[in-house]
Amino acid sequence: MAQRYTIQAVIYPGDTSGYVAECLNLAVVTQGQTLDETVQNLRDALQLHLAGEDLAEFGLTAHAPLLVTLEMEPVYA
């Protein structure tokens, strides 16, 4: 498996309120009421998920940065 240098995630609006963040290559999903809270919760969830793991087993390098894509509903003027 080729090593990735980033952890990819997407943030999208929740069904009723707030935002949901979901990693594309790892089994990590979290949520928050604001974008800042959601990103912080995602970072915390990733740290917990990867704590004590061999990153090479996940195809990751040490200190892999987080790449987040934000999906928003279109806004019309």
PDB file of N, CA and C in Angstrom:
ATOM      1  N   MET A   1       0.848  -1.178   0.000  1.00  0.00           N
ATOM      2  CA  MET A   1       0.000   0.000   0.000  1.00  0.00           C
ATOM      3  C   MET A   1       0.888   1.234   0.000  1.00  0.00           C
ATOM      4  N   ALA A   2       0.612   2.178  -0.892  1.00  0.00           N
ATOM      5  CA  ALA A   2       1.368   3.422  -0.950  1.00  0.00           C
ATOM      6  C   ALA A   2       1.013   4.296   0.249  1.00  0.00           C
ATOM      7  N   GLN A   3       2.018   4.977   0.774  1.00  0.00           N
ATOM      8  CA  GLN A   3       1.759   5.833   1.931  1.00  0.00           C
ATOM      9  C   GLN A   3       1.134   7.152   1.489  1.00  0.00           C
ATOM     10  N   ARG A   4       0.127   7.558   2.227  1.00  0.00           N
ATOM     11  CA  ARG A   4      -0.521   8.843   1.993  1.00  0.00           C
ATOM     12  C   ARG A   4       0.141   9.875   2.893  1.00  0.00           C
ATOM     13  N   TYR A   5       0.214  11.060   2.419  1.00  0.00           N
ATOM     14  CA  TYR A   5       0.804  12.120   3.213  1.00  0.00           C
ATOM     15  C   TYR A   5      -0.247  13.016   3.831  1.00  0.00           C
ATOM     16  N   THR A   6      -1.520  12.727   3.553  1.00  0.00           N
ATOM     17  CA  THR A   6      -2.615  13.484   4.144  1.00  0.00           C
ATOM     18  C   THR A   6      -3.724  12.543   4.576  1.00  0.00           C
ATOM     19  N   ILE A   7      -4.507  12.993   5.530  1.00  0.00           N
ATOM     20  CA  ILE A   7      -5.731  12.306   5.929  1.00  0.00           C
ATOM     21  C   ILE A   7      -6.864  13.123   5.328  1.00  0.00           C
ATOM     22  N   GLN A   8      -7.674  12.496   4.505  1.00  0.00           N
ATOM     23  CA  GLN A   8      -8.738  13.207   3.809  1.00  0.00           C
ATOM     24  C   GLN A   8     -10.064  13.050   4.544  1.00  0.00           C
ATOM     25  N   ALA A   9     -10.782  14.168   4.635  1.00  0.00           N
ATOM     26  CA  ALA A   9     -12.091  14.165   5.289  1.00  0.00           C
ATOM     27  C   ALA A   9     -12.999  15.143   4.573  1.00  0.00           C
ATOM     28  N   VAL A  10     -14.293  14.949   4.755  1.00  0.00           N
ATOM     29  CA  VAL A  10     -15.278  15.859   4.195  1.00  0.00           C
ATOM     30  C   VAL A  10     -16.182  16.336   5.336  1.00  0.00           C
ATOM     31  N   ILE A  11     -16.554  17.604   5.300  1.00  0.00           N
ATOM     32  CA  ILE A  11     -17.496  18.156   6.273  1.00  0.00           C
ATOM     33  C   ILE A  11     -18.726  18.603   5.502  1.00  0.00           C
ATOM     34  N   TYR A  12     -19.886  18.201   5.990  1.00  0.00           N
ATOM     35  CA  TYR A  12     -21.131  18.576   5.324  1.00  0.00           C
ATOM     36  C   TYR A  12     -22.180  18.932   6.374  1.00  0.00           C
ATOM     37  N   PRO A  13     -23.210  19.693   5.979  1.00  0.00           N
ATOM     38  CA  PRO A  13     -24.251  20.082   6.933  1.00  0.00           C
ATOM     39  C   PRO A  13     -24.957  18.855   7.499  1.00  0.00           C
ATOM     40  N   GLY A  14     -25.269  18.905   8.803  1.00  0.00           N
ATOM     41  CA  GLY A  14     -26.009  17.826   9.440  1.00  0.00           C
ATOM     42  C   GLY A  14     -27.458  17.818   8.981  1.00  0.00           C
ATOM     43  N   ASP A  15     -28.167  16.739   9.274  1.00  0.00           N
ATOM     44  CA  ASP A  15     -29.559  16.612   8.849  1.00  0.00           C
ATOM     45  C   ASP A  15     -30.454  17.688   9.454  1.00  0.00           C
ATOM     46  N   THR A  16     -30.250  18.007  10.723  1.00  0.00           N
ATOM     47  CA  THR A  16     -31.116  18.988  11.375  1.00  0.00           C
ATOM     48  C   THR A  16     -30.376  20.257  11.773  1.00  0.00           C
ATOM     49  N   SER A  17     -29.103  20.137  12.164  1.00  0.00           N
ATOM     50  CA  SER A  17     -28.307  21.312  12.525  1.00  0.00           C
ATOM     51  C   SER A  17     -26.850  20.917  12.584  1.00  0.00           C
ATOM     52  N   GLY A  18     -25.996  21.917  12.667  1.00  0.00           N
ATOM     53  CA  GLY A  18     -24.567  21.668  12.808  1.00  0.00           C
ATOM     54  C   GLY A  18     -23.954  21.041  11.575  1.00  0.00           C
ATOM     55  N   TYR A  19     -22.814  20.373  11.794  1.00  0.00           N
ATOM     56  CA  TYR A  19     -22.031  19.791  10.709  1.00  0.00           C
ATOM     57  C   TYR A  19     -21.568  18.394  11.087  1.00  0.00           C
ATOM     58  N   VAL A  20     -21.308  17.582  10.071  1.00  0.00           N
ATOM     59  CA  VAL A  20     -20.786  16.233  10.246  1.00  0.00           C
ATOM     60  C   VAL A  20     -19.458  16.157   9.504  1.00  0.00           C
ATOM     61  N   ALA A  21     -18.448  15.564  10.127  1.00  0.00           N
ATOM     62  CA  ALA A  21     -17.144  15.358   9.499  1.00  0.00           C
ATOM     63  C   ALA A  21     -16.896  13.860   9.388  1.00  0.00           C
ATOM     64  N   GLU A  22     -16.477  13.429   8.213  1.00  0.00           N
ATOM     65  CA  GLU A  22     -16.261  12.004   7.958  1.00  0.00           C
ATOM     66  C   GLU A  22     -14.958  11.820   7.193  1.00  0.00           C
ATOM     67  N   CYS A  23     -14.080  10.981   7.724  1.00  0.00           N
ATOM     68  CA  CYS A  23     -12.838  10.664   7.023  1.00  0.00           C
ATOM     69  C   CYS A  23     -13.145   9.758   5.843  1.00  0.00           C
ATOM     70  N   LEU A  24     -12.408   9.950   4.761  1.00  0.00           N
ATOM     71  CA  LEU A  24     -12.646   9.157   3.566  1.00  0.00           C
ATOM     72  C   LEU A  24     -11.926   7.818   3.600  1.00  0.00           C
ATOM     73  N   ASN A  25     -10.811   7.714   4.321  1.00  0.00           N
ATOM     74  CA  ASN A  25     -10.022   6.487   4.312  1.00  0.00           C
ATOM     75  C   ASN A  25      -9.907   5.822   5.670  1.00  0.00           C
ATOM     76  N   LEU A  26     -10.457   6.437   6.697  1.00  0.00           N
ATOM     77  CA  LEU A  26     -10.419   5.876   8.046  1.00  0.00           C
ATOM     78  C   LEU A  26     -11.838   5.857   8.609  1.00  0.00           C
ATOM     79  N   ALA A  27     -12.089   4.959   9.518  1.00  0.00           N
ATOM     80  CA  ALA A  27     -13.423   4.836  10.125  1.00  0.00           C
ATOM     81  C   ALA A  27     -13.583   5.854  11.250  1.00  0.00           C
ATOM     82  N   VAL A  28     -13.627   7.140  10.873  1.00  0.00           N
ATOM     83  CA  VAL A  28     -13.761   8.220  11.842  1.00  0.00           C
ATOM     84  C   VAL A  28     -14.863   9.159  11.373  1.00  0.00           C
ATOM     85  N   VAL A  29     -15.876   9.349  12.220  1.00  0.00           N
ATOM     86  CA  VAL A  29     -16.974  10.272  11.956  1.00  0.00           C
ATOM     87  C   VAL A  29     -17.242  11.041  13.239  1.00  0.00           C
ATOM     88  N   THR A  30     -17.480  12.344  13.127  1.00  0.00           N
ATOM     89  CA  THR A  30     -17.797  13.164  14.291  1.00  0.00           C
ATOM     90  C   THR A  30     -18.699  14.301  13.845  1.00  0.00           C
ATOM     91  N   GLN A  31     -19.100  15.133  14.782  1.00  0.00           N
ATOM     92  CA  GLN A  31     -19.985  16.255  14.449  1.00  0.00           C
ATOM     93  C   GLN A  31     -19.724  17.425  15.374  1.00  0.00           C
ATOM     94  N   GLY A  32     -20.325  18.559  15.063  1.00  0.00           N
ATOM     95  CA  GLY A  32     -20.219  19.752  15.894  1.00  0.00           C
ATOM     96  C   GLY A  32     -21.266  20.768  15.476  1.00  0.00           C
ATOM     97  N   GLN A  33     -21.488  21.742  16.313  1.00  0.00           N
ATOM     98  CA  GLN A  33     -22.484  22.775  16.016  1.00  0.00           C
ATOM     99  C   GLN A  33     -21.941  23.855  15.085  1.00  0.00           C
ATOM    100  N   THR A  34     -20.635  24.112  15.148  1.00  0.00           N
ATOM    101  CA  THR A  34     -20.005  25.102  14.276  1.00  0.00           C
ATOM    102  C   THR A  34     -18.904  24.415  13.473  1.00  0.00           C
ATOM    103  N   LEU A  35     -18.430  25.084  12.431  1.00  0.00           N
ATOM    104  CA  LEU A  35     -17.326  24.521  11.653  1.00  0.00           C
ATOM    105  C   LEU A  35     -16.077  24.360  12.507  1.00  0.00           C
ATOM    106  N   ASP A  36     -15.762  25.377  13.331  1.00  0.00           N
ATOM    107  CA  ASP A  36     -14.579  25.289  14.194  1.00  0.00           C
ATOM    108  C   ASP A  36     -14.681  24.111  15.153  1.00  0.00           C
ATOM    109  N   GLU A  37     -15.841  23.942  15.772  1.00  0.00           N
ATOM    110  CA  GLU A  37     -16.038  22.833  16.705  1.00  0.00           C
ATOM    111  C   GLU A  37     -15.944  21.494  15.979  1.00  0.00           C
ATOM    112  N   THR A  38     -16.488  21.424  14.777  1.00  0.00           N
ATOM    113  CA  THR A  38     -16.451  20.178  14.009  1.00  0.00           C
ATOM    114  C   THR A  38     -15.026  19.799  13.639  1.00  0.00           C
ATOM    115  N   VAL A  39     -14.226  20.772  13.198  1.00  0.00           N
ATOM    116  CA  VAL A  39     -12.824  20.498  12.847  1.00  0.00           C
ATOM    117  C   VAL A  39     -12.048  20.061  14.085  1.00  0.00           C
ATOM    118  N   GLN A  40     -12.255  20.733  15.214  1.00  0.00           N
ATOM    119  CA  GLN A  40     -11.554  20.346  16.440  1.00  0.00           C
ATOM    120  C   GLN A  40     -11.972  18.941  16.873  1.00  0.00           C
ATOM    121  N   ASN A  41     -13.260  18.635  16.790  1.00  0.00           N
ATOM    122  CA  ASN A  41     -13.734  17.293  17.138  1.00  0.00           C
ATOM    123  C   ASN A  41     -13.138  16.242  16.202  1.00  0.00           C
ATOM    124  N   LEU A  42     -12.975  16.588  14.925  1.00  0.00           N
ATOM    125  CA  LEU A  42     -12.365  15.674  13.968  1.00  0.00           C
ATOM    126  C   LEU A  42     -10.911  15.411  14.335  1.00  0.00           C
ATOM    127  N   ARG A  43     -10.177  16.453  14.667  1.00  0.00           N
ATOM    128  CA  ARG A  43      -8.774  16.283  15.077  1.00  0.00           C
ATOM    129  C   ARG A  43      -8.680  15.388  16.318  1.00  0.00           C
ATOM    130  N   ASP A  44      -9.550  15.662  17.297  1.00  0.00           N
ATOM    131  CA  ASP A  44      -9.552  14.861  18.529  1.00  0.00           C
ATOM    132  C   ASP A  44      -9.889  13.403  18.238  1.00  0.00           C
ATOM    133  N   ALA A  45     -10.893  13.180  17.393  1.00  0.00           N
ATOM    134  CA  ALA A  45     -11.312  11.815  17.057  1.00  0.00           C
ATOM    135  C   ALA A  45     -10.200  11.069  16.322  1.00  0.00           C
ATOM    136  N   LEU A  46      -9.499  11.762  15.426  1.00  0.00           N
ATOM    137  CA  LEU A  46      -8.386  11.133  14.708  1.00  0.00           C
ATOM    138  C   LEU A  46      -7.254  10.769  15.660  1.00  0.00           C
ATOM    139  N   GLN A  47      -6.941  11.663  16.593  1.00  0.00           N
ATOM    140  CA  GLN A  47      -5.880  11.366  17.562  1.00  0.00           C
ATOM    141  C   GLN A  47      -6.238  10.129  18.381  1.00  0.00           C
ATOM    142  N   LEU A  48      -7.487  10.046  18.821  1.00  0.00           N
ATOM    143  CA  LEU A  48      -7.915   8.872  19.594  1.00  0.00           C
ATOM    144  C   LEU A  48      -7.879   7.613  18.743  1.00  0.00           C
ATOM    145  N   HIS A  49      -8.342   7.712  17.505  1.00  0.00           N
ATOM    146  CA  HIS A  49      -8.396   6.552  16.607  1.00  0.00           C
ATOM    147  C   HIS A  49      -6.998   6.015  16.297  1.00  0.00           C
ATOM    148  N   LEU A  50      -6.034   6.915  16.155  1.00  0.00           N
ATOM    149  CA  LEU A  50      -4.688   6.509  15.744  1.00  0.00           C
ATOM    150  C   LEU A  50      -3.711   6.336  16.905  1.00  0.00           C
ATOM    151  N   ALA A  51      -4.145   6.654  18.114  1.00  0.00           N
ATOM    152  CA  ALA A  51      -3.254   6.550  19.277  1.00  0.00           C
ATOM    153  C   ALA A  51      -2.749   5.119  19.437  1.00  0.00           C
ATOM    154  N   GLY A  52      -1.436   4.989  19.499  1.00  0.00           N
ATOM    155  CA  GLY A  52      -0.824   3.685  19.723  1.00  0.00           C
ATOM    156  C   GLY A  52      -0.814   2.773  18.512  1.00  0.00           C
ATOM    157  N   GLU A  53      -1.311   3.239  17.384  1.00  0.00           N
ATOM    158  CA  GLU A  53      -1.343   2.416  16.171  1.00  0.00           C
ATOM    159  C   GLU A  53      -0.066   2.590  15.358  1.00  0.00           C
ATOM    160  N   ASP A  54       0.246   1.587  14.565  1.00  0.00           N
ATOM    161  CA  ASP A  54       1.339   1.689  13.606  1.00  0.00           C
ATOM    162  C   ASP A  54       0.783   2.386  12.375  1.00  0.00           C
ATOM    163  N   LEU A  55       1.176   3.630  12.163  1.00  0.00           N
ATOM    164  CA  LEU A  55       0.610   4.414  11.068  1.00  0.00           C
ATOM    165  C   LEU A  55       0.834   3.774   9.709  1.00  0.00           C
ATOM    166  N   ALA A  56       1.910   3.027   9.562  1.00  0.00           N
ATOM    167  CA  ALA A  56       2.184   2.353   8.292  1.00  0.00           C
ATOM    168  C   ALA A  56       1.084   1.351   7.951  1.00  0.00           C
ATOM    169  N   GLU A  57       0.445   0.753   8.962  1.00  0.00           N
ATOM    170  CA  GLU A  57      -0.659  -0.175   8.700  1.00  0.00           C
ATOM    171  C   GLU A  57      -1.850   0.530   8.067  1.00  0.00           C
ATOM    172  N   PHE A  58      -1.979   1.830   8.318  1.00  0.00           N
ATOM    173  CA  PHE A  58      -3.043   2.626   7.716  1.00  0.00           C
ATOM    174  C   PHE A  58      -2.565   3.309   6.430  1.00  0.00           C
ATOM    175  N   GLY A  59      -1.309   3.073   6.064  1.00  0.00           N
ATOM    176  CA  GLY A  59      -0.742   3.711   4.886  1.00  0.00           C
ATOM    177  C   GLY A  59      -0.412   5.168   5.105  1.00  0.00           C
ATOM    178  N   LEU A  60      -0.206   5.570   6.362  1.00  0.00           N
ATOM    179  CA  LEU A  60       0.060   6.972   6.690  1.00  0.00           C
ATOM    180  C   LEU A  60       1.498   7.176   7.113  1.00  0.00           C
ATOM    181  N   THR A  61       1.971   8.384   6.927  1.00  0.00           N
ATOM    182  CA  THR A  61       3.265   8.780   7.446  1.00  0.00           C
ATOM    183  C   THR A  61       3.044   9.512   8.765  1.00  0.00           C
ATOM    184  N   ALA A  62       4.088   9.637   9.553  1.00  0.00           N
ATOM    185  CA  ALA A  62       3.987  10.354  10.823  1.00  0.00           C
ATOM    186  C   ALA A  62       3.616  11.811  10.573  1.00  0.00           C
ATOM    187  N   HIS A  63       2.773  12.353  11.416  1.00  0.00           N
ATOM    188  CA  HIS A  63       2.352  13.754  11.361  1.00  0.00           C
ATOM    189  C   HIS A  63       1.673  14.108  10.037  1.00  0.00           C
ATOM    190  N   ALA A  64       0.872  13.184   9.516  1.00  0.00           N
ATOM    191  CA  ALA A  64       0.159  13.446   8.270  1.00  0.00           C
ATOM    192  C   ALA A  64      -0.825  14.603   8.471  1.00  0.00           C
ATOM    193  N   PRO A  65      -0.796  15.600   7.597  1.00  0.00           N
ATOM    194  CA  PRO A  65      -1.741  16.706   7.740  1.00  0.00           C
ATOM    195  C   PRO A  65      -3.152  16.280   7.361  1.00  0.00           C
ATOM    196  N   LEU A  66      -4.110  17.062   7.786  1.00  0.00           N
ATOM    197  CA  LEU A  66      -5.517  16.806   7.534  1.00  0.00           C
ATOM    198  C   LEU A  66      -5.978  17.678   6.372  1.00  0.00           C
ATOM    199  N   LEU A  67      -6.537  17.061   5.337  1.00  0.00           N
ATOM    200  CA  LEU A  67      -7.077  17.770   4.184  1.00  0.00           C
ATOM    201  C   LEU A  67      -8.589  17.632   4.234  1.00  0.00           C
ATOM    202  N   VAL A  68      -9.292  18.758   4.398  1.00  0.00           N
ATOM    203  CA  VAL A  68     -10.741  18.733   4.578  1.00  0.00           C
ATOM    204  C   VAL A  68     -11.418  19.415   3.397  1.00  0.00           C
ATOM    205  N   THR A  69     -12.451  18.774   2.863  1.00  0.00           N
ATOM    206  CA  THR A  69     -13.298  19.354   1.838  1.00  0.00           C
ATOM    207  C   THR A  69     -14.619  19.707   2.500  1.00  0.00           C
ATOM    208  N   LEU A  70     -15.121  20.891   2.219  1.00  0.00           N
ATOM    209  CA  LEU A  70     -16.365  21.363   2.800  1.00  0.00           C
ATOM    210  C   LEU A  70     -17.454  21.346   1.742  1.00  0.00           C
ATOM    211  N   GLU A  71     -18.535  20.636   2.025  1.00  0.00           N
ATOM    212  CA  GLU A  71     -19.683  20.603   1.137  1.00  0.00           C
ATOM    213  C   GLU A  71     -20.780  21.477   1.723  1.00  0.00           C
ATOM    214  N   MET A  72     -21.213  22.472   0.957  1.00  0.00           N
ATOM    215  CA  MET A  72     -22.247  23.391   1.425  1.00  0.00           C
ATOM    216  C   MET A  72     -23.377  23.442   0.417  1.00  0.00           C
ATOM    217  N   GLU A  73     -24.548  23.789   0.899  1.00  0.00           N
ATOM    218  CA  GLU A  73     -25.676  24.007   0.014  1.00  0.00           C
ATOM    219  C   GLU A  73     -25.449  25.304  -0.758  1.00  0.00           C
ATOM    220  N   PRO A  74     -25.868  25.350  -2.029  1.00  0.00           N
ATOM    221  CA  PRO A  74     -25.688  26.602  -2.783  1.00  0.00           C
ATOM    222  C   PRO A  74     -26.542  27.721  -2.180  1.00  0.00           C
ATOM    223  N   VAL A  75     -26.020  28.927  -2.269  1.00  0.00           N
ATOM    224  CA  VAL A  75     -26.733  30.111  -1.798  1.00  0.00           C
ATOM    225  C   VAL A  75     -27.061  30.968  -3.004  1.00  0.00           C
ATOM    226  N   TYR A  76     -28.314  31.302  -3.147  1.00  0.00           N
ATOM    227  CA  TYR A  76     -28.747  32.111  -4.291  1.00  0.00           C
ATOM    228  C   TYR A  76     -29.132  33.502  -3.795  1.00  0.00           C
ATOM    229  N   ALA A  77     -28.713  34.514  -4.525  1.00  0.00           N
ATOM    230  CA  ALA A  77     -29.017  35.904  -4.146  1.00  0.00           C
ATOM    231  C   ALA A  77     -30.383  36.314  -4.661  1.00  0.00           C
TER     232      ALA A  77
END
